[in-house]
Amino acid sequence: FDMQRHYRPAVNVVQRPTRAGGTGYLLTGHHELMIPLLVWGVLEVEGRRS
C-alpha cells in the first residue's frame, strides 16, 4: 500500500518477491480508503466460497 506510486520501486515490492511464484498486487491510494476496500473484497470472495 502506497499513497504515491514513486515512493518505492514496484520491482522491490511486487515483482521480486513473486519471482518464484505467486501474484503481486500494487495498490496505490489512501490507506483509510484502500484497507477497508481490500478487507471488503476478501470477505466478499470468501463469502462466495462458503
N, C-alpha and C. Protein backbone atom coordinates (compact mmCIF):
# COMPACT_ATOMS: atom_id res chain seq x y z
N PHE A 1 0.83 -1.17 0.00
CA PHE A 1 0.00 0.00 0.00
C PHE A 1 0.88 1.24 0.00
N ASP A 2 0.76 2.04 -1.00
CA ASP A 2 1.48 3.30 -1.07
C ASP A 2 0.54 4.40 -1.52
N MET A 3 0.72 5.59 -0.95
CA MET A 3 -0.08 6.73 -1.39
C MET A 3 0.46 7.29 -2.70
N GLN A 4 1.77 7.16 -2.90
CA GLN A 4 2.39 7.66 -4.12
C GLN A 4 3.12 6.51 -4.78
N ARG A 5 2.91 6.35 -6.04
CA ARG A 5 3.49 5.23 -6.76
C ARG A 5 5.02 5.30 -6.84
N HIS A 6 5.59 6.48 -6.78
CA HIS A 6 7.03 6.63 -6.91
C HIS A 6 7.76 6.46 -5.58
N TYR A 7 7.04 6.19 -4.52
CA TYR A 7 7.66 6.07 -3.20
C TYR A 7 8.62 4.89 -3.14
N ARG A 8 8.22 3.74 -3.64
CA ARG A 8 9.04 2.53 -3.68
C ARG A 8 8.97 1.94 -5.07
N PRO A 9 10.09 1.47 -5.60
CA PRO A 9 10.03 0.81 -6.91
C PRO A 9 9.17 -0.46 -6.85
N ALA A 10 8.34 -0.64 -7.83
CA ALA A 10 7.47 -1.83 -7.88
C ALA A 10 8.29 -3.11 -7.93
N VAL A 11 9.49 -3.04 -8.44
CA VAL A 11 10.34 -4.23 -8.51
C VAL A 11 10.59 -4.78 -7.12
N ASN A 12 10.89 -3.92 -6.16
CA ASN A 12 11.22 -4.37 -4.81
C ASN A 12 10.01 -4.90 -4.05
N VAL A 13 8.84 -4.42 -4.37
CA VAL A 13 7.66 -4.75 -3.57
C VAL A 13 6.76 -5.78 -4.25
N VAL A 14 6.66 -5.74 -5.57
CA VAL A 14 5.70 -6.58 -6.29
C VAL A 14 6.39 -7.66 -7.11
N GLN A 15 7.39 -7.31 -7.88
CA GLN A 15 7.97 -8.26 -8.82
C GLN A 15 8.98 -9.21 -8.19
N ARG A 16 9.94 -8.70 -7.45
CA ARG A 16 11.00 -9.56 -6.89
C ARG A 16 10.47 -10.62 -5.93
N PRO A 17 9.58 -10.29 -4.99
CA PRO A 17 9.10 -11.33 -4.06
C PRO A 17 8.30 -12.43 -4.73
N THR A 18 7.77 -12.20 -5.91
CA THR A 18 6.92 -13.21 -6.56
C THR A 18 7.62 -13.92 -7.70
N ARG A 19 8.92 -13.78 -7.83
CA ARG A 19 9.64 -14.44 -8.93
C ARG A 19 9.52 -15.96 -8.89
N ALA A 20 9.53 -16.54 -7.70
CA ALA A 20 9.45 -17.99 -7.57
C ALA A 20 8.02 -18.50 -7.73
N GLY A 21 7.06 -17.61 -7.83
CA GLY A 21 5.66 -17.98 -7.96
C GLY A 21 4.80 -17.04 -7.16
N GLY A 22 3.55 -17.05 -7.44
CA GLY A 22 2.62 -16.17 -6.74
C GLY A 22 2.25 -14.97 -7.59
N THR A 23 1.47 -14.11 -7.01
CA THR A 23 0.98 -12.92 -7.70
C THR A 23 1.22 -11.71 -6.83
N GLY A 24 1.73 -10.65 -7.43
CA GLY A 24 1.93 -9.40 -6.71
C GLY A 24 0.89 -8.38 -7.13
N TYR A 25 0.48 -7.57 -6.20
CA TYR A 25 -0.50 -6.53 -6.47
C TYR A 25 0.05 -5.19 -6.02
N LEU A 26 -0.11 -4.18 -6.83
CA LEU A 26 0.31 -2.84 -6.50
C LEU A 26 -0.94 -2.02 -6.23
N LEU A 27 -1.15 -1.64 -4.98
CA LEU A 27 -2.32 -0.87 -4.58
C LEU A 27 -1.86 0.54 -4.22
N THR A 28 -2.36 1.52 -4.93
CA THR A 28 -1.97 2.90 -4.70
C THR A 28 -3.19 3.70 -4.27
N GLY A 29 -3.10 4.35 -3.13
CA GLY A 29 -4.20 5.16 -2.65
C GLY A 29 -4.07 5.44 -1.17
N HIS A 30 -5.02 6.15 -0.63
CA HIS A 30 -5.02 6.49 0.79
C HIS A 30 -5.37 5.24 1.61
N HIS A 31 -4.58 4.99 2.64
CA HIS A 31 -4.77 3.79 3.46
C HIS A 31 -6.16 3.71 4.07
N GLU A 32 -6.69 4.85 4.49
CA GLU A 32 -8.01 4.83 5.15
C GLU A 32 -9.12 4.42 4.19
N LEU A 33 -8.88 4.48 2.90
CA LEU A 33 -9.84 4.00 1.91
C LEU A 33 -9.48 2.61 1.39
N MET A 34 -8.21 2.40 1.12
CA MET A 34 -7.78 1.16 0.47
C MET A 34 -7.87 -0.07 1.37
N ILE A 35 -7.50 0.06 2.64
CA ILE A 35 -7.53 -1.10 3.52
C ILE A 35 -8.96 -1.60 3.76
N PRO A 36 -9.93 -0.73 4.06
CA PRO A 36 -11.31 -1.24 4.18
C PRO A 36 -11.83 -1.86 2.88
N LEU A 37 -11.46 -1.29 1.74
CA LEU A 37 -11.89 -1.87 0.47
C LEU A 37 -11.27 -3.24 0.24
N LEU A 38 -10.01 -3.40 0.61
CA LEU A 38 -9.35 -4.70 0.49
C LEU A 38 -10.02 -5.73 1.39
N VAL A 39 -10.29 -5.36 2.63
CA VAL A 39 -10.95 -6.27 3.56
C VAL A 39 -12.33 -6.65 3.04
N TRP A 40 -13.08 -5.68 2.55
CA TRP A 40 -14.41 -5.96 2.00
C TRP A 40 -14.30 -6.94 0.83
N GLY A 41 -13.34 -6.71 -0.06
CA GLY A 41 -13.17 -7.59 -1.21
C GLY A 41 -12.82 -9.01 -0.81
N VAL A 42 -11.93 -9.17 0.17
CA VAL A 42 -11.55 -10.51 0.64
C VAL A 42 -12.75 -11.20 1.27
N LEU A 43 -13.48 -10.49 2.11
CA LEU A 43 -14.67 -11.09 2.73
C LEU A 43 -15.73 -11.46 1.70
N GLU A 44 -15.85 -10.64 0.67
CA GLU A 44 -16.82 -10.92 -0.39
C GLU A 44 -16.46 -12.21 -1.13
N VAL A 45 -15.20 -12.36 -1.46
CA VAL A 45 -14.75 -13.57 -2.17
C VAL A 45 -14.89 -14.79 -1.26
N GLU A 46 -14.51 -14.66 -0.01
CA GLU A 46 -14.63 -15.78 0.93
C GLU A 46 -16.09 -16.17 1.15
N GLY A 47 -16.99 -15.21 1.16
CA GLY A 47 -18.41 -15.50 1.32
C GLY A 47 -18.98 -16.28 0.15
N ARG A 48 -18.46 -16.06 -1.03
CA ARG A 48 -18.91 -16.79 -2.22
C ARG A 48 -18.42 -18.23 -2.21
N ARG A 49 -17.29 -18.48 -1.56
CA ARG A 49 -16.73 -19.83 -1.50
C ARG A 49 -17.49 -20.71 -0.51
N SER A 50 -18.12 -20.10 0.47
CA SER A 50 -18.80 -20.89 1.52
C SER A 50 -20.09 -21.47 1.03
